Amino acid sequence: MTADDHRKVAQWHLKQADLHEDEGGYKCGCPANDENSKIIEIVNSGVIEEDLSCSLGG
């Protein structure tokens, strides 16, 4: 993915998060798959702030 692609995906997810907060109980249908779970762990660990490359690897 390009940097612009990452931004577009992030923008969509941020909108979904806003809907979840604003509409109490709203479900977007996004499954918490293995990749999403790994991303959540990376962000929670704080490592993403130090990484200079894709945290998920290839």
C-alpha atoms as a PDB file:
ATOM      1  CA  MET A   1       0.000   0.000   0.000  1.00  0.00           C
ATOM      2  CA  THR A   2       1.082   3.549  -0.577  1.00  0.00           C
ATOM      3  CA  ALA A   3       1.163   6.192   2.129  1.00  0.00           C
ATOM      4  CA  ASP A   4      -1.988   7.684   0.587  1.00  0.00           C
ATOM      5  CA  ASP A   5      -3.712   4.277   0.727  1.00  0.00           C
ATOM      6  CA  HIS A   6      -2.840   3.944   4.417  1.00  0.00           C
ATOM      7  CA  ARG A   7      -4.291   7.407   5.070  1.00  0.00           C
ATOM      8  CA  LYS A   8      -7.530   6.536   3.246  1.00  0.00           C
ATOM      9  CA  VAL A   9      -7.959   3.334   5.264  1.00  0.00           C
ATOM     10  CA  ALA A  10      -7.157   5.208   8.482  1.00  0.00           C
ATOM     11  CA  GLN A  11      -9.656   7.941   7.587  1.00  0.00           C
ATOM     12  CA  TRP A  12     -12.387   5.335   7.049  1.00  0.00           C
ATOM     13  CA  HIS A  13     -11.586   3.611  10.357  1.00  0.00           C
ATOM     14  CA  LEU A  14     -11.571   6.932  12.232  1.00  0.00           C
ATOM     15  CA  LYS A  15     -15.048   7.667  10.861  1.00  0.00           C
ATOM     16  CA  GLN A  16     -16.202   4.220  12.003  1.00  0.00           C
ATOM     17  CA  ALA A  17     -14.770   4.905  15.474  1.00  0.00           C
ATOM     18  CA  ASP A  18     -16.666   8.208  15.600  1.00  0.00           C
ATOM     19  CA  LEU A  19     -19.878   6.392  14.691  1.00  0.00           C
ATOM     20  CA  HIS A  20     -19.252   3.793  17.401  1.00  0.00           C
ATOM     21  CA  GLU A  21     -18.894   6.560  20.003  1.00  0.00           C
ATOM     22  CA  ASP A  22     -21.680   8.807  18.737  1.00  0.00           C
ATOM     23  CA  GLU A  23     -24.344   6.180  18.175  1.00  0.00           C
ATOM     24  CA  GLY A  24     -23.764   3.980  21.245  1.00  0.00           C
ATOM     25  CA  GLY A  25     -23.777   0.349  20.260  1.00  0.00           C
ATOM     26  CA  TYR A  26     -23.194   0.998  16.537  1.00  0.00           C
ATOM     27  CA  LYS A  27     -21.443  -1.945  14.862  1.00  0.00           C
ATOM     28  CA  CYS A  28     -19.595  -1.447  11.590  1.00  0.00           C
ATOM     29  CA  GLY A  29     -19.189  -5.159  10.935  1.00  0.00           C
ATOM     30  CA  CYS A  30     -15.393  -5.054  10.841  1.00  0.00           C
ATOM     31  CA  PRO A  31     -14.109  -8.398  12.069  1.00  0.00           C
ATOM     32  CA  ALA A  32     -11.277  -8.334  14.595  1.00  0.00           C
ATOM     33  CA  ASN A  33      -9.086 -10.566  12.451  1.00  0.00           C
ATOM     34  CA  ASP A  34      -5.496 -11.566  13.223  1.00  0.00           C
ATOM     35  CA  GLU A  35      -4.029  -8.499  11.483  1.00  0.00           C
ATOM     36  CA  ASN A  36      -6.321  -6.086  13.341  1.00  0.00           C
ATOM     37  CA  SER A  37      -5.551  -7.780  16.647  1.00  0.00           C
ATOM     38  CA  LYS A  38      -1.798  -7.485  15.965  1.00  0.00           C
ATOM     39  CA  ILE A  39      -2.192  -3.785  15.073  1.00  0.00           C
ATOM     40  CA  ILE A  40      -4.091  -3.149  18.317  1.00  0.00           C
ATOM     41  CA  GLU A  41      -1.319  -4.887  20.292  1.00  0.00           C
ATOM     42  CA  ILE A  42       1.373  -2.827  18.513  1.00  0.00           C
ATOM     43  CA  VAL A  43      -0.411   0.470  19.194  1.00  0.00           C
ATOM     44  CA  ASN A  44      -1.109  -0.473  22.828  1.00  0.00           C
ATOM     45  CA  SER A  45       2.561  -1.369  23.366  1.00  0.00           C
ATOM     46  CA  GLY A  46       3.751   2.051  22.198  1.00  0.00           C
ATOM     47  CA  VAL A  47       6.135   0.470  19.668  1.00  0.00           C
ATOM     48  CA  ILE A  48       4.407   2.200  16.758  1.00  0.00           C
ATOM     49  CA  GLU A  49       5.831   5.515  17.969  1.00  0.00           C
ATOM     50  CA  GLU A  50       9.381   4.176  17.559  1.00  0.00           C
ATOM     51  CA  ASP A  51       9.007   2.166  14.328  1.00  0.00           C
ATOM     52  CA  LEU A  52      10.451   3.503  11.103  1.00  0.00           C
ATOM     53  CA  SER A  53       9.093   0.656   8.966  1.00  0.00           C
ATOM     54  CA  CYS A  54       5.868  -1.339   8.662  1.00  0.00           C
ATOM     55  CA  SER A  55       5.218  -2.876  12.052  1.00  0.00           C
ATOM     56  CA  LEU A  56       3.452  -5.904  10.600  1.00  0.00           C
ATOM     57  CA  GLY A  57       6.442  -7.012   8.570  1.00  0.00           C
ATOM     58  CA  GLY A  58       6.119  -8.933   5.363  1.00  0.00           C
END
